[in-house]
PDB file of N, CA and C in Angstrom:
ATOM      1  N   MET A   1      -3.918  44.748  35.539  1.00  0.00           N
ATOM      2  CA  MET A   1      -3.357  44.778  36.876  1.00  0.00           C
ATOM      3  C   MET A   1      -3.175  46.224  37.312  1.00  0.00           C
ATOM      4  N   ILE A   2      -3.221  46.445  38.597  1.00  0.00           N
ATOM      5  CA  ILE A   2      -3.082  47.782  39.150  1.00  0.00           C
ATOM      6  C   ILE A   2      -1.638  48.242  39.019  1.00  0.00           C
ATOM      7  N   ASN A   3      -1.471  49.484  38.582  1.00  0.00           N
ATOM      8  CA  ASN A   3      -0.139  50.048  38.404  1.00  0.00           C
ATOM      9  C   ASN A   3       0.384  50.549  39.750  1.00  0.00           C
ATOM     10  N   PRO A   4       1.424  49.913  40.319  1.00  0.00           N
ATOM     11  CA  PRO A   4       1.944  50.321  41.625  1.00  0.00           C
ATOM     12  C   PRO A   4       2.464  51.755  41.627  1.00  0.00           C
ATOM     13  N   ALA A   5       3.021  52.213  40.510  1.00  0.00           N
ATOM     14  CA  ALA A   5       3.541  53.574  40.442  1.00  0.00           C
ATOM     15  C   ALA A   5       2.405  54.586  40.584  1.00  0.00           C
ATOM     16  N   LYS A   6       1.268  54.298  39.985  1.00  0.00           N
ATOM     17  CA  LYS A   6       0.115  55.196  40.078  1.00  0.00           C
ATOM     18  C   LYS A   6      -0.400  55.259  41.515  1.00  0.00           C
ATOM     19  N   ILE A   7      -0.456  54.126  42.189  1.00  0.00           N
ATOM     20  CA  ILE A   7      -0.887  54.098  43.590  1.00  0.00           C
ATOM     21  C   ILE A   7       0.080  54.900  44.451  1.00  0.00           C
ATOM     22  N   GLU A   8       1.350  54.737  44.203  1.00  0.00           N
ATOM     23  CA  GLU A   8       2.375  55.473  44.944  1.00  0.00           C
ATOM     24  C   GLU A   8       2.211  56.975  44.733  1.00  0.00           C
ATOM     25  N   GLU A   9       1.951  57.377  43.511  1.00  0.00           N
ATOM     26  CA  GLU A   9       1.769  58.791  43.184  1.00  0.00           C
ATOM     27  C   GLU A   9       0.556  59.370  43.920  1.00  0.00           C
ATOM     28  N   ILE A  10      -0.539  58.639  43.928  1.00  0.00           N
ATOM     29  CA  ILE A  10      -1.753  59.094  44.617  1.00  0.00           C
ATOM     30  C   ILE A  10      -1.501  59.204  46.117  1.00  0.00           C
ATOM     31  N   ALA A  11      -0.826  58.219  46.687  1.00  0.00           N
ATOM     32  CA  ALA A  11      -0.527  58.244  48.128  1.00  0.00           C
ATOM     33  C   ALA A  11       0.344  59.443  48.480  1.00  0.00           C
ATOM     34  N   LYS A  12       1.319  59.761  47.635  1.00  0.00           N
ATOM     35  CA  LYS A  12       2.190  60.921  47.898  1.00  0.00           C
ATOM     36  C   LYS A  12       1.409  62.229  47.807  1.00  0.00           C
ATOM     37  N   GLN A  13       0.499  62.312  46.848  1.00  0.00           N
ATOM     38  CA  GLN A  13      -0.317  63.527  46.722  1.00  0.00           C
ATOM     39  C   GLN A  13      -1.187  63.723  47.956  1.00  0.00           C
ATOM     40  N   ILE A  14      -1.776  62.657  48.429  1.00  0.00           N
ATOM     41  CA  ILE A  14      -2.630  62.753  49.624  1.00  0.00           C
ATOM     42  C   ILE A  14      -1.804  63.149  50.835  1.00  0.00           C
ATOM     43  N   SER A  15      -0.672  62.506  51.032  1.00  0.00           N
ATOM     44  CA  SER A  15       0.126  62.788  52.227  1.00  0.00           C
ATOM     45  C   SER A  15       0.758  64.180  52.182  1.00  0.00           C
ATOM     46  N   SER A  16       1.067  64.696  50.997  1.00  0.00           N
ATOM     47  CA  SER A  16       1.669  66.033  50.917  1.00  0.00           C
ATOM     48  C   SER A  16       0.671  67.131  51.273  1.00  0.00           C
ATOM     49  N   ASN A  17      -0.610  66.853  51.199  1.00  0.00           N
ATOM     50  CA  ASN A  17      -1.646  67.837  51.524  1.00  0.00           C
ATOM     51  C   ASN A  17      -2.122  67.743  52.971  1.00  0.00           C
ATOM     52  N   MET A  18      -1.516  66.879  53.761  1.00  0.00           N
ATOM     53  CA  MET A  18      -1.908  66.715  55.161  1.00  0.00           C
ATOM     54  C   MET A  18      -1.034  67.583  56.061  1.00  0.00           C
ATOM     55  N   PRO A  19      -1.539  67.921  57.266  1.00  0.00           N
ATOM     56  CA  PRO A  19      -0.700  68.621  58.250  1.00  0.00           C
ATOM     57  C   PRO A  19       0.499  67.748  58.633  1.00  0.00           C
ATOM     58  N   GLN A  20       1.583  68.384  59.094  1.00  0.00           N
ATOM     59  CA  GLN A  20       2.844  67.675  59.361  1.00  0.00           C
ATOM     60  C   GLN A  20       2.672  66.490  60.311  1.00  0.00           C
ATOM     61  N   GLY A  21       1.934  66.651  61.399  1.00  0.00           N
ATOM     62  CA  GLY A  21       1.749  65.555  62.359  1.00  0.00           C
ATOM     63  C   GLY A  21       1.030  64.381  61.738  1.00  0.00           C
ATOM     64  N   VAL A  22       0.001  64.687  60.991  1.00  0.00           N
ATOM     65  CA  VAL A  22      -0.746  63.631  60.312  1.00  0.00           C
ATOM     66  C   VAL A  22       0.115  63.012  59.216  1.00  0.00           C
ATOM     67  N   ARG A  23       0.913  63.855  58.561  1.00  0.00           N
ATOM     68  CA  ARG A  23       1.801  63.364  57.498  1.00  0.00           C
ATOM     69  C   ARG A  23       2.809  62.368  58.057  1.00  0.00           C
ATOM     70  N   ASN A  24       3.392  62.682  59.219  1.00  0.00           N
ATOM     71  CA  ASN A  24       4.348  61.761  59.842  1.00  0.00           C
ATOM     72  C   ASN A  24       3.676  60.441  60.195  1.00  0.00           C
ATOM     73  N   LEU A  25       2.477  60.541  60.755  1.00  0.00           N
ATOM     74  CA  LEU A  25       1.722  59.339  61.091  1.00  0.00           C
ATOM     75  C   LEU A  25       1.406  58.543  59.823  1.00  0.00           C
ATOM     76  N   ALA A  26       1.006  59.242  58.769  1.00  0.00           N
ATOM     77  CA  ALA A  26       0.676  58.584  57.499  1.00  0.00           C
ATOM     78  C   ALA A  26       1.909  57.905  56.896  1.00  0.00           C
ATOM     79  N   GLU A  27       3.059  58.578  56.977  1.00  0.00           N
ATOM     80  CA  GLU A  27       4.289  57.988  56.440  1.00  0.00           C
ATOM     81  C   GLU A  27       4.683  56.732  57.210  1.00  0.00           C
ATOM     82  N   THR A  28       4.553  56.798  58.527  1.00  0.00           N
ATOM     83  CA  THR A  28       4.856  55.629  59.353  1.00  0.00           C
ATOM     84  C   THR A  28       3.903  54.492  59.023  1.00  0.00           C
ATOM     85  N   PHE A  29       2.625  54.834  58.926  1.00  0.00           N
ATOM     86  CA  PHE A  29       1.615  53.826  58.581  1.00  0.00           C
ATOM     87  C   PHE A  29       1.893  53.227  57.208  1.00  0.00           C
ATOM     88  N   GLU A  30       2.232  54.078  56.243  1.00  0.00           N
ATOM     89  CA  GLU A  30       2.511  53.606  54.886  1.00  0.00           C
ATOM     90  C   GLU A  30       3.709  52.664  54.871  1.00  0.00           C
ATOM     91  N   THR A  31       4.765  53.066  55.556  1.00  0.00           N
ATOM     92  CA  THR A  31       5.971  52.244  55.591  1.00  0.00           C
ATOM     93  C   THR A  31       5.696  50.882  56.229  1.00  0.00           C
ATOM     94  N   ARG A  32       5.018  50.900  57.354  1.00  0.00           N
ATOM     95  CA  ARG A  32       4.725  49.643  58.051  1.00  0.00           C
ATOM     96  C   ARG A  32       3.746  48.771  57.262  1.00  0.00           C
ATOM     97  N   THR A  33       2.793  49.409  56.608  1.00  0.00           N
ATOM     98  CA  THR A  33       1.843  48.657  55.793  1.00  0.00           C
ATOM     99  C   THR A  33       2.550  47.991  54.621  1.00  0.00           C
ATOM    100  N   LYS A  34       3.427  48.733  53.959  1.00  0.00           N
ATOM    101  CA  LYS A  34       4.190  48.157  52.841  1.00  0.00           C
ATOM    102  C   LYS A  34       5.030  46.977  53.310  1.00  0.00           C
ATOM    103  N   GLN A  35       5.677  47.133  54.456  1.00  0.00           N
ATOM    104  CA  GLN A  35       6.507  46.061  54.994  1.00  0.00           C
ATOM    105  C   GLN A  35       5.673  44.819  55.292  1.00  0.00           C
ATOM    106  N   ALA A  36       4.513  45.027  55.897  1.00  0.00           N
ATOM    107  CA  ALA A  36       3.646  43.893  56.233  1.00  0.00           C
ATOM    108  C   ALA A  36       3.131  43.198  54.978  1.00  0.00           C
ATOM    109  N   ILE A  37       2.725  43.972  53.986  1.00  0.00           N
ATOM    110  CA  ILE A  37       2.219  43.392  52.745  1.00  0.00           C
ATOM    111  C   ILE A  37       3.331  42.632  52.017  1.00  0.00           C
ATOM    112  N   GLN A  38       4.516  43.241  51.945  1.00  0.00           N
ATOM    113  CA  GLN A  38       5.634  42.567  51.286  1.00  0.00           C
ATOM    114  C   GLN A  38       5.996  41.269  51.999  1.00  0.00           C
ATOM    115  N   ALA A  39       5.957  41.274  53.313  1.00  0.00           N
ATOM    116  CA  ALA A  39       6.277  40.064  54.067  1.00  0.00           C
ATOM    117  C   ALA A  39       5.251  38.972  53.774  1.00  0.00           C
ATOM    118  N   LYS A  40       3.976  39.332  53.753  1.00  0.00           N
ATOM    119  CA  LYS A  40       2.936  38.333  53.472  1.00  0.00           C
ATOM    120  C   LYS A  40       3.008  37.834  52.035  1.00  0.00           C
ATOM    121  N   LEU A  41       3.266  38.710  51.084  1.00  0.00           N
ATOM    122  CA  LEU A  41       3.384  38.287  49.691  1.00  0.00           C
ATOM    123  C   LEU A  41       4.569  37.350  49.491  1.00  0.00           C
ATOM    124  N   THR A  42       5.633  37.584  50.231  1.00  0.00           N
ATOM    125  CA  THR A  42       6.809  36.715  50.150  1.00  0.00           C
ATOM    126  C   THR A  42       6.472  35.310  50.647  1.00  0.00           C
ATOM    127  N   GLU A  43       5.598  35.222  51.654  1.00  0.00           N
ATOM    128  CA  GLU A  43       5.213  33.926  52.206  1.00  0.00           C
ATOM    129  C   GLU A  43       4.306  33.134  51.275  1.00  0.00           C
ATOM    130  N   MET A  44       3.595  33.809  50.391  1.00  0.00           N
ATOM    131  CA  MET A  44       2.636  33.133  49.516  1.00  0.00           C
ATOM    132  C   MET A  44       3.356  32.404  48.392  1.00  0.00           C
ATOM    133  N   ASP A  45       2.737  31.344  47.946  1.00  0.00           N
ATOM    134  CA  ASP A  45       3.326  30.501  46.913  1.00  0.00           C
ATOM    135  C   ASP A  45       2.686  30.822  45.565  1.00  0.00           C
ATOM    136  N   PHE A  46       3.227  31.816  44.884  1.00  0.00           N
ATOM    137  CA  PHE A  46       2.718  32.226  43.585  1.00  0.00           C
ATOM    138  C   PHE A  46       3.542  31.596  42.469  1.00  0.00           C
ATOM    139  N   VAL A  47       2.922  31.428  41.312  1.00  0.00           N
ATOM    140  CA  VAL A  47       3.662  31.005  40.135  1.00  0.00           C
ATOM    141  C   VAL A  47       3.704  32.171  39.167  1.00  0.00           C
ATOM    142  N   SER A  48       4.727  32.184  38.346  1.00  0.00           N
ATOM    143  CA  SER A  48       4.839  33.256  37.368  1.00  0.00           C
ATOM    144  C   SER A  48       3.804  33.063  36.261  1.00  0.00           C
ATOM    145  N   ARG A  49       3.531  34.110  35.546  1.00  0.00           N
ATOM    146  CA  ARG A  49       2.580  34.028  34.425  1.00  0.00           C
ATOM    147  C   ARG A  49       3.117  33.047  33.384  1.00  0.00           C
ATOM    148  N   GLU A  50       4.427  33.052  33.174  1.00  0.00           N
ATOM    149  CA  GLU A  50       5.039  32.139  32.215  1.00  0.00           C
ATOM    150  C   GLU A  50       4.799  30.683  32.612  1.00  0.00           C
ATOM    151  N   GLU A  51       5.006  30.368  33.889  1.00  0.00           N
ATOM    152  CA  GLU A  51       4.784  29.002  34.377  1.00  0.00           C
ATOM    153  C   GLU A  51       3.308  28.625  34.262  1.00  0.00           C
ATOM    154  N   PHE A  52       2.427  29.576  34.565  1.00  0.00           N
ATOM    155  CA  PHE A  52       0.989  29.324  34.441  1.00  0.00           C
ATOM    156  C   PHE A  52       0.626  29.013  32.999  1.00  0.00           C
ATOM    157  N   ASP A  53       1.158  29.796  32.054  1.00  0.00           N
ATOM    158  CA  ASP A  53       0.875  29.569  30.634  1.00  0.00           C
ATOM    159  C   ASP A  53       1.402  28.211  30.167  1.00  0.00           C
ATOM    160  N   ILE A  54       2.589  27.843  30.640  1.00  0.00           N
ATOM    161  CA  ILE A  54       3.166  26.545  30.283  1.00  0.00           C
ATOM    162  C   ILE A  54       2.274  25.418  30.799  1.00  0.00           C
ATOM    163  N   GLN A  55       1.854  25.520  32.054  1.00  0.00           N
ATOM    164  CA  GLN A  55       1.008  24.477  32.629  1.00  0.00           C
ATOM    165  C   GLN A  55      -0.362  24.423  31.952  1.00  0.00           C
ATOM    166  N   SER A  56      -0.865  25.567  31.525  1.00  0.00           N
ATOM    167  CA  SER A  56      -2.139  25.588  30.794  1.00  0.00           C
ATOM    168  C   SER A  56      -2.009  24.835  29.482  1.00  0.00           C
ATOM    169  N   LYS A  57      -0.898  25.036  28.775  1.00  0.00           N
ATOM    170  CA  LYS A  57      -0.669  24.327  27.511  1.00  0.00           C
ATOM    171  C   LYS A  57      -0.527  22.824  27.744  1.00  0.00           C
ATOM    172  N   VAL A  58       0.166  22.451  28.816  1.00  0.00           N
ATOM    173  CA  VAL A  58       0.310  21.034  29.155  1.00  0.00           C
ATOM    174  C   VAL A  58      -1.066  20.434  29.433  1.00  0.00           C
ATOM    175  N   LEU A  59      -1.896  21.150  30.160  1.00  0.00           N
ATOM    176  CA  LEU A  59      -3.232  20.664  30.474  1.00  0.00           C
ATOM    177  C   LEU A  59      -4.070  20.499  29.202  1.00  0.00           C
ATOM    178  N   ILE A  60      -3.976  21.442  28.288  1.00  0.00           N
ATOM    179  CA  ILE A  60      -4.719  21.343  27.023  1.00  0.00           C
ATOM    180  C   ILE A  60      -4.269  20.115  26.241  1.00  0.00           C
ATOM    181  N   ARG A  61      -2.945  19.899  26.148  1.00  0.00           N
ATOM    182  CA  ARG A  61      -2.437  18.717  25.435  1.00  0.00           C
ATOM    183  C   ARG A  61      -2.884  17.432  26.131  1.00  0.00           C
ATOM    184  N   THR A  62      -2.888  17.437  27.454  1.00  0.00           N
ATOM    185  CA  THR A  62      -3.320  16.263  28.205  1.00  0.00           C
ATOM    186  C   THR A  62      -4.795  15.961  27.940  1.00  0.00           C
ATOM    187  N   ARG A  63      -5.614  16.992  27.913  1.00  0.00           N
ATOM    188  CA  ARG A  63      -7.037  16.792  27.620  1.00  0.00           C
ATOM    189  C   ARG A  63      -7.238  16.248  26.210  1.00  0.00           C
ATOM    190  N   GLU A  64      -6.468  16.776  25.255  1.00  0.00           N
ATOM    191  CA  GLU A  64      -6.570  16.282  23.873  1.00  0.00           C
ATOM    192  C   GLU A  64      -6.192  14.806  23.801  1.00  0.00           C
ATOM    193  N   LYS A  65      -5.113  14.437  24.477  1.00  0.00           N
ATOM    194  CA  LYS A  65      -4.658  13.048  24.491  1.00  0.00           C
ATOM    195  C   LYS A  65      -5.700  12.154  25.163  1.00  0.00           C
ATOM    196  N   LEU A  66      -6.290  12.632  26.258  1.00  0.00           N
ATOM    197  CA  LEU A  66      -7.324  11.869  26.946  1.00  0.00           C
ATOM    198  C   LEU A  66      -8.524  11.630  26.023  1.00  0.00           C
ATOM    199  N   THR A  67      -8.913  12.652  25.294  1.00  0.00           N
ATOM    200  CA  THR A  67     -10.033  12.510  24.357  1.00  0.00           C
ATOM    201  C   THR A  67      -9.711  11.473  23.287  1.00  0.00           C
ATOM    202  N   GLU A  68      -8.484  11.520  22.770  1.00  0.00           N
ATOM    203  CA  GLU A  68      -8.060  10.523  21.773  1.00  0.00           C
ATOM    204  C   GLU A  68      -8.105   9.114  22.358  1.00  0.00           C
ATOM    205  N   LEU A  69      -7.582   8.965  23.572  1.00  0.00           N
ATOM    206  CA  LEU A  69      -7.551   7.644  24.203  1.00  0.00           C
ATOM    207  C   LEU A  69      -8.958   7.141  24.503  1.00  0.00           C
ATOM    208  N   GLU A  70      -9.851   8.039  24.924  1.00  0.00           N
ATOM    209  CA  GLU A  70     -11.234   7.634  25.172  1.00  0.00           C
ATOM    210  C   GLU A  70     -11.889   7.138  23.883  1.00  0.00           C
ATOM    211  N   ALA A  71     -11.598   7.812  22.768  1.00  0.00           N
ATOM    212  CA  ALA A  71     -12.153   7.388  21.482  1.00  0.00           C
ATOM    213  C   ALA A  71     -11.604   6.022  21.077  1.00  0.00           C
ATOM    214  N   LYS A  72     -10.310   5.794  21.302  1.00  0.00           N
ATOM    215  CA  LYS A  72      -9.707   4.506  20.977  1.00  0.00           C
ATOM    216  C   LYS A  72     -10.295   3.387  21.838  1.00  0.00           C
ATOM    217  N   VAL A  73     -10.474   3.663  23.128  1.00  0.00           N
ATOM    218  CA  VAL A  73     -11.056   2.654  24.023  1.00  0.00           C
ATOM    219  C   VAL A  73     -12.482   2.333  23.585  1.00  0.00           C
ATOM    220  N   ALA A  74     -13.249   3.356  23.246  1.00  0.00           N
ATOM    221  CA  ALA A  74     -14.622   3.134  22.795  1.00  0.00           C
ATOM    222  C   ALA A  74     -14.631   2.300  21.514  1.00  0.00           C
ATOM    223  N   ASP A  75     -13.706   2.576  20.612  1.00  0.00           N
ATOM    224  CA  ASP A  75     -13.604   1.818  19.364  1.00  0.00           C
ATOM    225  C   ASP A  75     -13.244   0.356  19.647  1.00  0.00           C
ATOM    226  N   LEU A  76     -12.264   0.157  20.538  1.00  0.00           N
ATOM    227  CA  LEU A  76     -11.865  -1.209  20.888  1.00  0.00           C
ATOM    228  C   LEU A  76     -13.009  -1.961  21.591  1.00  0.00           C
ATOM    229  N   GLU A  77     -13.733  -1.270  22.449  1.00  0.00           N
ATOM    230  CA  GLU A  77     -14.871  -1.900  23.120  1.00  0.00           C
ATOM    231  C   GLU A  77     -15.946  -2.291  22.116  1.00  0.00           C
ATOM    232  N   ALA A  78     -16.180  -1.429  21.127  1.00  0.00           N
ATOM    233  CA  ALA A  78     -17.179  -1.733  20.094  1.00  0.00           C
ATOM    234  C   ALA A  78     -16.738  -2.939  19.269  1.00  0.00           C
ATOM    235  N   LYS A  79     -15.468  -2.995  18.919  1.00  0.00           N
ATOM    236  CA  LYS A  79     -14.953  -4.141  18.151  1.00  0.00           C
ATOM    237  C   LYS A  79     -15.050  -5.418  18.969  1.00  0.00           C
ATOM    238  N   LEU A  80     -14.740  -5.325  20.252  1.00  0.00           N
ATOM    239  CA  LEU A  80     -14.811  -6.494  21.119  1.00  0.00           C
ATOM    240  C   LEU A  80     -16.261  -6.967  21.251  1.00  0.00           C
ATOM    241  N   ALA A  81     -17.185  -6.027  21.378  1.00  0.00           N
ATOM    242  CA  ALA A  81     -18.592  -6.367  21.479  1.00  0.00           C
ATOM    243  C   ALA A  81     -19.077  -7.031  20.187  1.00  0.00           C
ATOM    244  N   GLN A  82     -18.626  -6.528  19.036  1.00  0.00           N
ATOM    245  CA  GLN A  82     -18.996  -7.131  17.754  1.00  0.00           C
ATOM    246  C   GLN A  82     -18.441  -8.550  17.650  1.00  0.00           C
ATOM    247  N   GLN A  83     -17.213  -8.707  18.108  1.00  0.00           N
ATOM    248  CA  GLN A  83     -16.571 -10.019  18.035  1.00  0.00           C
ATOM    249  C   GLN A  83     -17.275 -10.992  18.953  1.00  0.00           C
ATOM    250  N   ASN A  84     -17.709 -10.565  20.126  1.00  0.00           N
ATOM    251  CA  ASN A  84     -18.415 -11.434  21.055  1.00  0.00           C
ATOM    252  C   ASN A  84     -19.806 -11.792  20.517  1.00  0.00           C
ATOM    253  N   ASN A  85     -20.439 -10.827  19.830  1.00  0.00           N
ATOM    254  CA  ASN A  85     -21.745 -11.100  19.245  1.00  0.00           C
ATOM    255  C   ASN A  85     -21.648 -12.052  18.054  1.00  0.00           C
ATOM    256  N   ALA A  86     -20.525 -12.018  17.353  1.00  0.00           N
ATOM    257  CA  ALA A  86     -20.345 -12.890  16.197  1.00  0.00           C
ATOM    258  C   ALA A  86     -20.075 -14.333  16.644  1.00  0.00           C
ATOM    259  N   ASP A  87     -19.564 -14.492  17.829  1.00  0.00           N
ATOM    260  CA  ASP A  87     -19.257 -15.838  18.320  1.00  0.00           C
ATOM    261  C   ASP A  87     -20.429 -16.513  18.882  1.00  0.00           C
TER     262      ASP A  87
END
């Protein structure tokens, strides 16, 4: 993931080397851009990495259980077919 502190450091270096008028404009732009991005990120429905990992484990267990159940159904179907053929 991108390090926010590193991005902040680069932005400060760039803005410190600009003329004062451009620097003021850049600072205003930076502040407003950060506010807009933070507002949009707040609106988004993200899950934490921990929740994602938990749900991934649940999905893996569910798939394993489904595979077991499919094997049992296939076995029962085979037994039923044998029983019907014997009759």
